[in-house]
Amino acid sequence: QEAEVHASALGLPKIVMTVISIRKELIDWYNRHGY
């Protein structure tokens, strides 16, 4: 949530990240948070 505040303060419209493809549980967690 604070990363989103930071992005907004910089005027950046999106956040990107990389996750190791076989980390399904982690990818699912990020999906639940809108990624």
Full PDB file with SEQRES, HELIX, SHEET, SSBOND, CRYST1, ORIGX, SCALE, CONECT and MASTER records, all heavy atoms in Angstrom:
SEQRES   1 A   35  GLN GLU ALA GLU VAL HIS ALA SER ALA LEU GLY LEU PRO          
SEQRES   2 A   35  LYS ILE VAL MET THR VAL ILE SER ILE ARG LYS GLU LEU          
SEQRES   3 A   35  ILE ASP TRP TYR ASN ARG HIS GLY TYR                          
HELIX    1 AA1 GLU A    2  ALA A    9  1                                   8    
HELIX    2 AA2 LYS A   24  ARG A   32  1                                   9    
CRYST1    1.000    1.000    1.000  90.00  90.00  90.00 P 1           1          
ORIGX1      1.000000  0.000000  0.000000        0.00000                         
ORIGX2      0.000000  1.000000  0.000000        0.00000                         
ORIGX3      0.000000  0.000000  1.000000        0.00000                         
SCALE1      1.000000  0.000000  0.000000        0.00000                         
SCALE2      0.000000  1.000000  0.000000        0.00000                         
SCALE3      0.000000  0.000000  1.000000        0.00000                         
ATOM      1  N   GLN A   1       0.831  -1.208   0.000  1.00  0.00           N  
ATOM      2  CA  GLN A   1       0.000   0.000   0.000  1.00  0.00           C  
ATOM      3  C   GLN A   1       0.865   1.258   0.000  1.00  0.00           C  
ATOM      4  O   GLN A   1       0.572   2.216  -0.715  1.00  0.00           O  
ATOM      5  CB  GLN A   1      -0.940  -0.011   1.221  1.00  0.00           C  
ATOM      6  CG  GLN A   1      -2.013  -1.062   1.125  1.00  0.00           C  
ATOM      7  CD  GLN A   1      -2.752  -1.298   2.440  1.00  0.00           C  
ATOM      8  OE1 GLN A   1      -2.265  -0.967   3.524  1.00  0.00           O  
ATOM      9  NE2 GLN A   1      -3.935  -1.886   2.347  1.00  0.00           N  
ATOM     10  N   GLU A   2       1.942   1.241   0.755  1.00  0.00           N  
ATOM     11  CA  GLU A   2       2.829   2.402   0.799  1.00  0.00           C  
ATOM     12  C   GLU A   2       3.559   2.576  -0.532  1.00  0.00           C  
ATOM     13  O   GLU A   2       3.846   3.699  -0.948  1.00  0.00           O  
ATOM     14  CB  GLU A   2       3.823   2.271   1.956  1.00  0.00           C  
ATOM     15  CG  GLU A   2       4.527   3.550   2.311  1.00  0.00           C  
ATOM     16  CD  GLU A   2       3.606   4.681   2.742  1.00  0.00           C  
ATOM     17  OE1 GLU A   2       2.558   4.427   3.362  1.00  0.00           O  
ATOM     18  OE2 GLU A   2       3.946   5.854   2.447  1.00  0.00           O  
ATOM     19  N   ALA A   3       3.833   1.476  -1.225  1.00  0.00           N  
ATOM     20  CA  ALA A   3       4.436   1.560  -2.558  1.00  0.00           C  
ATOM     21  C   ALA A   3       3.498   2.286  -3.514  1.00  0.00           C  
ATOM     22  O   ALA A   3       3.943   3.095  -4.341  1.00  0.00           O  
ATOM     23  CB  ALA A   3       4.749   0.161  -3.085  1.00  0.00           C  
ATOM     24  N   GLU A   4       2.202   2.033  -3.389  1.00  0.00           N  
ATOM     25  CA  GLU A   4       1.217   2.722  -4.234  1.00  0.00           C  
ATOM     26  C   GLU A   4       1.186   4.218  -3.920  1.00  0.00           C  
ATOM     27  O   GLU A   4       1.092   5.039  -4.830  1.00  0.00           O  
ATOM     28  CB  GLU A   4      -0.160   2.097  -4.057  1.00  0.00           C  
ATOM     29  CG  GLU A   4      -0.238   0.703  -4.631  1.00  0.00           C  
ATOM     30  CD  GLU A   4      -1.595   0.052  -4.440  1.00  0.00           C  
ATOM     31  OE1 GLU A   4      -2.612   0.769  -4.319  1.00  0.00           O  
ATOM     32  OE2 GLU A   4      -1.634  -1.195  -4.424  1.00  0.00           O  
ATOM     33  N   VAL A   5       1.281   4.565  -2.653  1.00  0.00           N  
ATOM     34  CA  VAL A   5       1.340   5.972  -2.257  1.00  0.00           C  
ATOM     35  C   VAL A   5       2.580   6.627  -2.870  1.00  0.00           C  
ATOM     36  O   VAL A   5       2.521   7.735  -3.407  1.00  0.00           O  
ATOM     37  CB  VAL A   5       1.350   6.108  -0.710  1.00  0.00           C  
ATOM     38  CG1 VAL A   5       1.675   7.527  -0.278  1.00  0.00           C  
ATOM     39  CG2 VAL A   5       0.026   5.634  -0.129  1.00  0.00           C  
ATOM     40  N   HIS A   6       3.697   5.922  -2.814  1.00  0.00           N  
ATOM     41  CA  HIS A   6       4.960   6.419  -3.364  1.00  0.00           C  
ATOM     42  C   HIS A   6       4.841   6.633  -4.876  1.00  0.00           C  
ATOM     43  O   HIS A   6       5.261   7.662  -5.400  1.00  0.00           O  
ATOM     44  CB  HIS A   6       6.077   5.420  -3.031  1.00  0.00           C  
ATOM     45  CG  HIS A   6       7.446   5.878  -3.383  1.00  0.00           C  
ATOM     46  ND1 HIS A   6       8.159   6.783  -2.631  1.00  0.00           N  
ATOM     47  CD2 HIS A   6       8.251   5.557  -4.429  1.00  0.00           C  
ATOM     48  CE1 HIS A   6       9.345   6.993  -3.191  1.00  0.00           C  
ATOM     49  NE2 HIS A   6       9.419   6.259  -4.282  1.00  0.00           N  
ATOM     50  N   ALA A   7       4.267   5.650  -5.572  1.00  0.00           N  
ATOM     51  CA  ALA A   7       4.089   5.762  -7.025  1.00  0.00           C  
ATOM     52  C   ALA A   7       3.211   6.966  -7.361  1.00  0.00           C  
ATOM     53  O   ALA A   7       3.531   7.739  -8.274  1.00  0.00           O  
ATOM     54  CB  ALA A   7       3.488   4.479  -7.592  1.00  0.00           C  
ATOM     55  N   SER A   8       2.123   7.117  -6.632  1.00  0.00           N  
ATOM     56  CA  SER A   8       1.221   8.253  -6.871  1.00  0.00           C  
ATOM     57  C   SER A   8       1.930   9.582  -6.634  1.00  0.00           C  
ATOM     58  O   SER A   8       1.767  10.531  -7.407  1.00  0.00           O  
ATOM     59  CB  SER A   8      -0.008   8.155  -5.959  1.00  0.00           C  
ATOM     60  OG  SER A   8      -0.785   7.042  -6.325  1.00  0.00           O  
ATOM     61  N   ALA A   9       2.735   9.649  -5.580  1.00  0.00           N  
ATOM     62  CA  ALA A   9       3.465  10.880  -5.270  1.00  0.00           C  
ATOM     63  C   ALA A   9       4.451  11.240  -6.387  1.00  0.00           C  
ATOM     64  O   ALA A   9       4.708  12.417  -6.638  1.00  0.00           O  
ATOM     65  CB  ALA A   9       4.205  10.739  -3.942  1.00  0.00           C  
ATOM     66  N   LEU A  10       4.960  10.219  -7.068  1.00  0.00           N  
ATOM     67  CA  LEU A  10       5.883  10.447  -8.189  1.00  0.00           C  
ATOM     68  C   LEU A  10       5.136  10.660  -9.509  1.00  0.00           C  
ATOM     69  O   LEU A  10       5.757  10.887 -10.542  1.00  0.00           O  
ATOM     70  CB  LEU A  10       6.845   9.265  -8.334  1.00  0.00           C  
ATOM     71  CG  LEU A  10       7.849   9.052  -7.197  1.00  0.00           C  
ATOM     72  CD1 LEU A  10       8.609   7.751  -7.393  1.00  0.00           C  
ATOM     73  CD2 LEU A  10       8.810  10.227  -7.085  1.00  0.00           C  
ATOM     74  N   GLY A  11       3.811  10.525  -9.479  1.00  0.00           N  
ATOM     75  CA  GLY A  11       3.018  10.672 -10.697  1.00  0.00           C  
ATOM     76  C   GLY A  11       3.129   9.485 -11.634  1.00  0.00           C  
ATOM     77  O   GLY A  11       2.917   9.615 -12.840  1.00  0.00           O  
ATOM     78  N   LEU A  12       3.457   8.315 -11.073  1.00  0.00           N  
ATOM     79  CA  LEU A  12       3.614   7.111 -11.893  1.00  0.00           C  
ATOM     80  C   LEU A  12       2.320   6.300 -11.852  1.00  0.00           C  
ATOM     81  O   LEU A  12       1.810   5.989 -10.776  1.00  0.00           O  
ATOM     82  CB  LEU A  12       4.796   6.277 -11.391  1.00  0.00           C  
ATOM     83  CG  LEU A  12       6.143   7.026 -11.375  1.00  0.00           C  
ATOM     84  CD1 LEU A  12       7.230   6.164 -10.752  1.00  0.00           C  
ATOM     85  CD2 LEU A  12       6.531   7.463 -12.777  1.00  0.00           C  
ATOM     86  N   PRO A  13       1.783   5.927 -13.036  1.00  0.00           N  
ATOM     87  CA  PRO A  13       0.455   5.300 -13.096  1.00  0.00           C  
ATOM     88  C   PRO A  13       0.426   3.800 -12.827  1.00  0.00           C  
ATOM     89  O   PRO A  13      -0.643   3.215 -12.692  1.00  0.00           O  
ATOM     90  CB  PRO A  13       0.012   5.586 -14.528  1.00  0.00           C  
ATOM     91  CG  PRO A  13       1.300   5.620 -15.301  1.00  0.00           C  
ATOM     92  CD  PRO A  13       2.317   6.221 -14.358  1.00  0.00           C  
ATOM     93  N   LYS A  14       1.586   3.146 -12.773  1.00  0.00           N  
ATOM     94  CA  LYS A  14       1.561   1.700 -12.563  1.00  0.00           C  
ATOM     95  C   LYS A  14       2.807   1.232 -11.832  1.00  0.00           C  
ATOM     96  O   LYS A  14       3.843   1.890 -11.840  1.00  0.00           O  
ATOM     97  CB  LYS A  14       1.402   0.949 -13.878  1.00  0.00           C  
ATOM     98  CG  LYS A  14       2.525   1.125 -14.873  1.00  0.00           C  
ATOM     99  CD  LYS A  14       2.200   0.391 -16.169  1.00  0.00           C  
ATOM    100  CE  LYS A  14       3.173   0.755 -17.270  1.00  0.00           C  
ATOM    101  NZ  LYS A  14       2.854   0.056 -18.506  1.00  0.00           N  
ATOM    102  N   ILE A  15       2.647   0.066 -11.211  1.00  0.00           N  
ATOM    103  CA  ILE A  15       3.747  -0.597 -10.518  1.00  0.00           C  
ATOM    104  C   ILE A  15       3.977  -1.934 -11.221  1.00  0.00           C  
ATOM    105  O   ILE A  15       3.021  -2.652 -11.528  1.00  0.00           O  
ATOM    106  CB  ILE A  15       3.417  -0.828  -9.032  1.00  0.00           C  
ATOM    107  CG1 ILE A  15       3.173   0.515  -8.327  1.00  0.00           C  
ATOM    108  CG2 ILE A  15       4.538  -1.600  -8.338  1.00  0.00           C  
ATOM    109  CD1 ILE A  15       2.728   0.382  -6.878  1.00  0.00           C  
ATOM    110  N   VAL A  16       5.236  -2.256 -11.470  1.00  0.00           N  
ATOM    111  CA  VAL A  16       5.586  -3.542 -12.079  1.00  0.00           C  
ATOM    112  C   VAL A  16       6.555  -4.285 -11.168  1.00  0.00           C  
ATOM    113  O   VAL A  16       7.245  -3.674 -10.344  1.00  0.00           O  
ATOM    114  CB  VAL A  16       6.214  -3.381 -13.489  1.00  0.00           C  
ATOM    115  CG1 VAL A  16       5.233  -2.749 -14.448  1.00  0.00           C  
ATOM    116  CG2 VAL A  16       7.502  -2.602 -13.433  1.00  0.00           C  
ATOM    117  N   MET A  17       6.580  -5.589 -11.311  1.00  0.00           N  
ATOM    118  CA  MET A  17       7.513  -6.408 -10.542  1.00  0.00           C  
ATOM    119  C   MET A  17       7.786  -7.681 -11.311  1.00  0.00           C  
ATOM    120  O   MET A  17       7.041  -8.020 -12.236  1.00  0.00           O  
ATOM    121  CB  MET A  17       6.940  -6.739  -9.168  1.00  0.00           C  
ATOM    122  CG  MET A  17       5.769  -7.685  -9.222  1.00  0.00           C  
ATOM    123  SD  MET A  17       5.155  -8.157  -7.609  1.00  0.00           S  
ATOM    124  CE  MET A  17       4.362  -6.662  -7.104  1.00  0.00           C  
ATOM    125  N   THR A  18       8.838  -8.365 -10.922  1.00  0.00           N  
ATOM    126  CA  THR A  18       9.127  -9.683 -11.480  1.00  0.00           C  
ATOM    127  C   THR A  18       9.087 -10.702 -10.343  1.00  0.00           C  
ATOM    128  O   THR A  18       9.525 -10.425  -9.230  1.00  0.00           O  
ATOM    129  CB  THR A  18      10.505  -9.734 -12.171  1.00  0.00           C  
ATOM    130  OG1 THR A  18      11.516  -9.314 -11.252  1.00  0.00           O  
ATOM    131  CG2 THR A  18      10.525  -8.842 -13.408  1.00  0.00           C  
ATOM    132  N   VAL A  19       8.532 -11.868 -10.655  1.00  0.00           N  
ATOM    133  CA  VAL A  19       8.436 -12.962  -9.689  1.00  0.00           C  
ATOM    134  C   VAL A  19       8.865 -14.235 -10.408  1.00  0.00           C  
ATOM    135  O   VAL A  19       8.505 -14.443 -11.571  1.00  0.00           O  
ATOM    136  CB  VAL A  19       6.991 -13.119  -9.158  1.00  0.00           C  
ATOM    137  CG1 VAL A  19       6.899 -14.254  -8.146  1.00  0.00           C  
ATOM    138  CG2 VAL A  19       6.480 -11.821  -8.550  1.00  0.00           C  
ATOM    139  N   ILE A  20       9.613 -15.069  -9.721  1.00  0.00           N  
ATOM    140  CA  ILE A  20      10.021 -16.338 -10.309  1.00  0.00           C  
ATOM    141  C   ILE A  20       8.758 -17.128 -10.675  1.00  0.00           C  
ATOM    142  O   ILE A  20       7.859 -17.304  -9.865  1.00  0.00           O  
ATOM    143  CB  ILE A  20      10.916 -17.146  -9.344  1.00  0.00           C  
ATOM    144  CG1 ILE A  20      12.217 -16.374  -9.070  1.00  0.00           C  
ATOM    145  CG2 ILE A  20      11.226 -18.526  -9.917  1.00  0.00           C  
ATOM    146  CD1 ILE A  20      13.102 -16.993  -8.001  1.00  0.00           C  
ATOM    147  N   SER A  21       8.699 -17.584 -11.913  1.00  0.00           N  
ATOM    148  CA  SER A  21       7.469 -18.153 -12.481  1.00  0.00           C  
ATOM    149  C   SER A  21       6.924 -19.357 -11.723  1.00  0.00           C  
ATOM    150  O   SER A  21       5.714 -19.581 -11.733  1.00  0.00           O  
ATOM    151  CB  SER A  21       7.694 -18.522 -13.945  1.00  0.00           C  
ATOM    152  OG  SER A  21       8.733 -19.485 -14.050  1.00  0.00           O  
ATOM    153  N   ILE A  22       7.768 -20.127 -11.078  1.00  0.00           N  
ATOM    154  CA  ILE A  22       7.278 -21.320 -10.378  1.00  0.00           C  
ATOM    155  C   ILE A  22       6.861 -21.016  -8.940  1.00  0.00           C  
ATOM    156  O   ILE A  22       6.494 -21.923  -8.199  1.00  0.00           O  
ATOM    157  CB  ILE A  22       8.309 -22.476 -10.426  1.00  0.00           C  
ATOM    158  CG1 ILE A  22       9.627 -22.051  -9.797  1.00  0.00           C  
ATOM    159  CG2 ILE A  22       8.492 -22.964 -11.840  1.00  0.00           C  
ATOM    160  CD1 ILE A  22      10.659 -23.176  -9.716  1.00  0.00           C  
ATOM    161  N   ARG A  23       6.845 -19.756  -8.557  1.00  0.00           N  
ATOM    162  CA  ARG A  23       6.431 -19.354  -7.204  1.00  0.00           C  
ATOM    163  C   ARG A  23       4.922 -19.085  -7.177  1.00  0.00           C  
ATOM    164  O   ARG A  23       4.467 -17.993  -6.918  1.00  0.00           O  
ATOM    165  CB  ARG A  23       7.206 -18.103  -6.768  1.00  0.00           C  
ATOM    166  CG  ARG A  23       8.719 -18.225  -6.763  1.00  0.00           C  
ATOM    167  CD  ARG A  23       9.274 -19.109  -5.668  1.00  0.00           C  
ATOM    168  NE  ARG A  23       8.679 -18.872  -4.366  1.00  0.00           N  
ATOM    169  CZ  ARG A  23       9.035 -17.884  -3.542  1.00  0.00           C  
ATOM    170  NH1 ARG A  23       9.978 -17.050  -3.858  1.00  0.00           N  
ATOM    171  NH2 ARG A  23       8.433 -17.758  -2.381  1.00  0.00           N  
ATOM    172  N   LYS A  24       4.136 -20.114  -7.457  1.00  0.00           N  
ATOM    173  CA  LYS A  24       2.684 -19.960  -7.602  1.00  0.00           C  
ATOM    174  C   LYS A  24       2.026 -19.295  -6.401  1.00  0.00           C  
ATOM    175  O   LYS A  24       1.189 -18.402  -6.552  1.00  0.00           O  
ATOM    176  CB  LYS A  24       2.044 -21.319  -7.894  1.00  0.00           C  
ATOM    177  CG  LYS A  24       0.537 -21.185  -8.114  1.00  0.00           C  
ATOM    178  CD  LYS A  24      -0.101 -22.455  -8.568  1.00  0.00           C  
ATOM    179  CE  LYS A  24      -1.593 -22.401  -8.715  1.00  0.00           C  
ATOM    180  NZ  LYS A  24      -2.288 -21.180  -8.464  1.00  0.00           N  
ATOM    181  N   GLU A  25       2.404 -19.707  -5.200  1.00  0.00           N  
ATOM    182  CA  GLU A  25       1.773 -19.142  -3.998  1.00  0.00           C  
ATOM    183  C   GLU A  25       2.050 -17.643  -3.871  1.00  0.00           C  
ATOM    184  O   GLU A  25       1.189 -16.873  -3.449  1.00  0.00           O  
ATOM    185  CB  GLU A  25       2.215 -19.884  -2.729  1.00  0.00           C  
ATOM    186  CG  GLU A  25       3.656 -19.649  -2.293  1.00  0.00           C  
ATOM    187  CD  GLU A  25       4.748 -20.268  -3.180  1.00  0.00           C  
ATOM    188  OE1 GLU A  25       4.449 -21.104  -4.048  1.00  0.00           O  
ATOM    189  OE2 GLU A  25       5.921 -19.886  -3.008  1.00  0.00           O  
ATOM    190  N   LEU A  26       3.228 -17.232  -4.279  1.00  0.00           N  
ATOM    191  CA  LEU A  26       3.589 -15.807  -4.227  1.00  0.00           C  
ATOM    192  C   LEU A  26       2.849 -15.034  -5.323  1.00  0.00           C  
ATOM    193  O   LEU A  26       2.308 -13.951  -5.076  1.00  0.00           O  
ATOM    194  CB  LEU A  26       5.101 -15.662  -4.379  1.00  0.00           C  
ATOM    195  CG  LEU A  26       5.719 -14.330  -4.037  1.00  0.00           C  
ATOM    196  CD1 LEU A  26       5.347 -13.882  -2.626  1.00  0.00           C  
ATOM    197  CD2 LEU A  26       7.227 -14.406  -4.184  1.00  0.00           C  
ATOM    198  N   ILE A  27       2.800 -15.594  -6.512  1.00  0.00           N  
ATOM    199  CA  ILE A  27       2.067 -14.965  -7.619  1.00  0.00           C  
ATOM    200  C   ILE A  27       0.594 -14.820  -7.246  1.00  0.00           C  
ATOM    201  O   ILE A  27      -0.014 -13.765  -7.463  1.00  0.00           O  
ATOM    202  CB  ILE A  27       2.262 -15.766  -8.921  1.00  0.00           C  
ATOM    203  CG1 ILE A  27       3.723 -15.684  -9.369  1.00  0.00           C  
ATOM    204  CG2 ILE A  27       1.316 -15.266 -10.021  1.00  0.00           C  
ATOM    205  CD1 ILE A  27       4.122 -16.704 -10.416  1.00  0.00           C  
ATOM    206  N   ASP A  28       0.023 -15.869  -6.646  1.00  0.00           N  
ATOM    207  CA  ASP A  28      -1.373 -15.806  -6.211  1.00  0.00           C  
ATOM    208  C   ASP A  28      -1.584 -14.689  -5.190  1.00  0.00           C  
ATOM    209  O   ASP A  28      -2.588 -13.982  -5.229  1.00  0.00           O  
ATOM    210  CB  ASP A  28      -1.821 -17.144  -5.603  1.00  0.00           C  
ATOM    211  CG  ASP A  28      -1.938 -18.255  -6.644  1.00  0.00           C  
ATOM    212  OD1 ASP A  28      -1.950 -17.954  -7.857  1.00  0.00           O  
ATOM    213  OD2 ASP A  28      -2.012 -19.428  -6.232  1.00  0.00           O  
ATOM    214  N   TRP A  29      -0.644 -14.516  -4.272  1.00  0.00           N  
ATOM    215  CA  TRP A  29      -0.744 -13.460  -3.256  1.00  0.00           C  
ATOM    216  C   TRP A  29      -0.752 -12.084  -3.925  1.00  0.00           C  
ATOM    217  O   TRP A  29      -1.572 -11.236  -3.603  1.00  0.00           O  
ATOM    218  CB  TRP A  29       0.409 -13.583  -2.248  1.00  0.00           C  
ATOM    219  CG  TRP A  29       0.306 -12.656  -1.091  1.00  0.00           C  
ATOM    220  CD1 TRP A  29      -0.422 -12.841   0.042  1.00  0.00           C  
ATOM    221  CD2 TRP A  29       0.961 -11.389  -0.952  1.00  0.00           C  
ATOM    222  NE1 TRP A  29      -0.257 -11.761   0.885  1.00  0.00           N  
ATOM    223  CE2 TRP A  29       0.584 -10.859   0.302  1.00  0.00           C  
ATOM    224  CE3 TRP A  29       1.833 -10.650  -1.752  1.00  0.00           C  
ATOM    225  CZ2 TRP A  29       1.048  -9.626   0.765  1.00  0.00           C  
ATOM    226  CZ3 TRP A  29       2.286  -9.427  -1.296  1.00  0.00           C  
ATOM    227  CH2 TRP A  29       1.893  -8.925  -0.053  1.00  0.00           C  
ATOM    228  N   TYR A  30       0.167 -11.897  -4.873  1.00  0.00           N  
ATOM    229  CA  TYR A  30       0.195 -10.608  -5.586  1.00  0.00           C  
ATOM    230  C   TYR A  30      -1.085 -10.409  -6.404  1.00  0.00           C  
ATOM    231  O   TYR A  30      -1.611  -9.300  -6.474  1.00  0.00           O  
ATOM    232  CB  TYR A  30       1.430 -10.504  -6.479  1.00  0.00           C  
ATOM    233  CG  TYR A  30       2.692 -10.196  -5.707  1.00  0.00           C  
ATOM    234  CD1 TYR A  30       3.775 -11.070  -5.717  1.00  0.00           C  
ATOM    235  CD2 TYR A  30       2.813  -9.020  -4.978  1.00  0.00           C  
ATOM    236  CE1 TYR A  30       4.929 -10.786  -5.011  1.00  0.00           C  
ATOM    237  CE2 TYR A  30       3.963  -8.734  -4.267  1.00  0.00           C  
ATOM    238  CZ  TYR A  30       5.020  -9.622  -4.285  1.00  0.00           C  
ATOM    239  OH  TYR A  30       6.162  -9.329  -3.576  1.00  0.00           O  
ATOM    240  N   ASN A  31      -1.594 -11.461  -7.026  1.00  0.00           N  
ATOM    241  CA  ASN A  31      -2.864 -11.373  -7.766  1.00  0.00           C  
ATOM    242  C   ASN A  31      -3.991 -10.881  -6.861  1.00  0.00           C  
ATOM    243  O   ASN A  31      -4.781 -10.023  -7.260  1.00  0.00           O  
ATOM    244  CB  ASN A  31      -3.261 -12.725  -8.363  1.00  0.00           C  
ATOM    245  CG  ASN A  31      -2.410 -13.192  -9.528  1.00  0.00           C  
ATOM    246  OD1 ASN A  31      -2.437 -14.369  -9.881  1.00  0.00           O  
ATOM    247  ND2 ASN A  31      -1.635 -12.315 -10.155  1.00  0.00           N  
ATOM    248  N   ARG A  32      -4.036 -11.412  -5.644  1.00  0.00           N  
ATOM    249  CA  ARG A  32      -5.074 -10.995  -4.693  1.00  0.00           C  
ATOM    250  C   ARG A  32      -4.945  -9.512  -4.319  1.00  0.00           C  
ATOM    251  O   ARG A  32      -5.898  -8.909  -3.844  1.00  0.00           O  
ATOM    252  CB  ARG A  32      -5.031 -11.859  -3.429  1.00  0.00           C  
ATOM    253  CG  ARG A  32      -5.531 -13.275  -3.661  1.00  0.00           C  
ATOM    254  CD  ARG A  32      -5.763 -14.040  -2.367  1.00  0.00           C  
ATOM    255  NE  ARG A  32      -4.594 -14.184  -1.521  1.00  0.00           N  
ATOM    256  CZ  ARG A  32      -3.682 -15.151  -1.637  1.00  0.00           C  
ATOM    257  NH1 ARG A  32      -3.804 -16.074  -2.585  1.00  0.00           N  
ATOM    258  NH2 ARG A  32      -2.666 -15.216  -0.814  1.00  0.00           N  
ATOM    259  N   HIS A  33      -3.760  -8.947  -4.536  1.00  0.00           N  
ATOM    260  CA  HIS A  33      -3.531  -7.529  -4.235  1.00  0.00           C  
ATOM    261  C   HIS A  33      -3.551  -6.662  -5.492  1.00  0.00           C  
ATOM    262  O   HIS A  33      -3.084  -5.525  -5.484  1.00  0.00           O  
ATOM    263  CB  HIS A  33      -2.224  -7.362  -3.455  1.00  0.00           C  
ATOM    264  CG  HIS A  33      -2.331  -7.929  -2.070  1.00  0.00           C  
ATOM    265  ND1 HIS A  33      -2.062  -9.248  -1.782  1.00  0.00           N  
ATOM    266  CD2 HIS A  33      -2.743  -7.374  -0.908  1.00  0.00           C  
ATOM    267  CE1 HIS A  33      -2.280  -9.465  -0.499  1.00  0.00           C  
ATOM    268  NE2 HIS A  33      -2.699  -8.341   0.057  1.00  0.00           N  
ATOM    269  N   GLY A  34      -4.088  -7.227  -6.585  1.00  0.00           N  
ATOM    270  CA  GLY A  34      -4.316  -6.435  -7.788  1.00  0.00           C  
ATOM    271  C   GLY A  34      -3.224  -6.464  -8.837  1.00  0.00           C  
ATOM    272  O   GLY A  34      -3.307  -5.763  -9.844  1.00  0.00           O  
ATOM    273  N   TYR A  35      -2.202  -7.276  -8.641  1.00  0.00           N  
ATOM    274  CA  TYR A  35      -1.111  -7.380  -9.612  1.00  0.00           C  
ATOM    275  C   TYR A  35      -1.438  -8.499 -10.598  1.00  0.00           C  
ATOM    276  O   TYR A  35      -1.732  -9.621 -10.189  1.00  0.00           O  
ATOM    277  CB  TYR A  35       0.221  -7.651  -8.912  1.00  0.00           C  
ATOM    278  CG  TYR A  35       0.692  -6.445  -8.141  1.00  0.00           C  
ATOM    279  CD1 TYR A  35       0.216  -6.182  -6.863  1.00  0.00           C  
ATOM    280  CD2 TYR A  35       1.564  -5.529  -8.710  1.00  0.00           C  
ATOM    281  CE1 TYR A  35       0.610  -5.055  -6.155  1.00  0.00           C  
ATOM    282  CE2 TYR A  35       1.964  -4.402  -8.018  1.00  0.00           C  
ATOM    283  CZ  TYR A  35       1.483  -4.171  -6.742  1.00  0.00           C  
ATOM    284  OH  TYR A  35       1.868  -3.050  -6.060  1.00  0.00           O  
TER     285      TYR A  35                                                      
MASTER        0    0    0    2    0    0    0    6  284    1    0    3          
END                                                                             
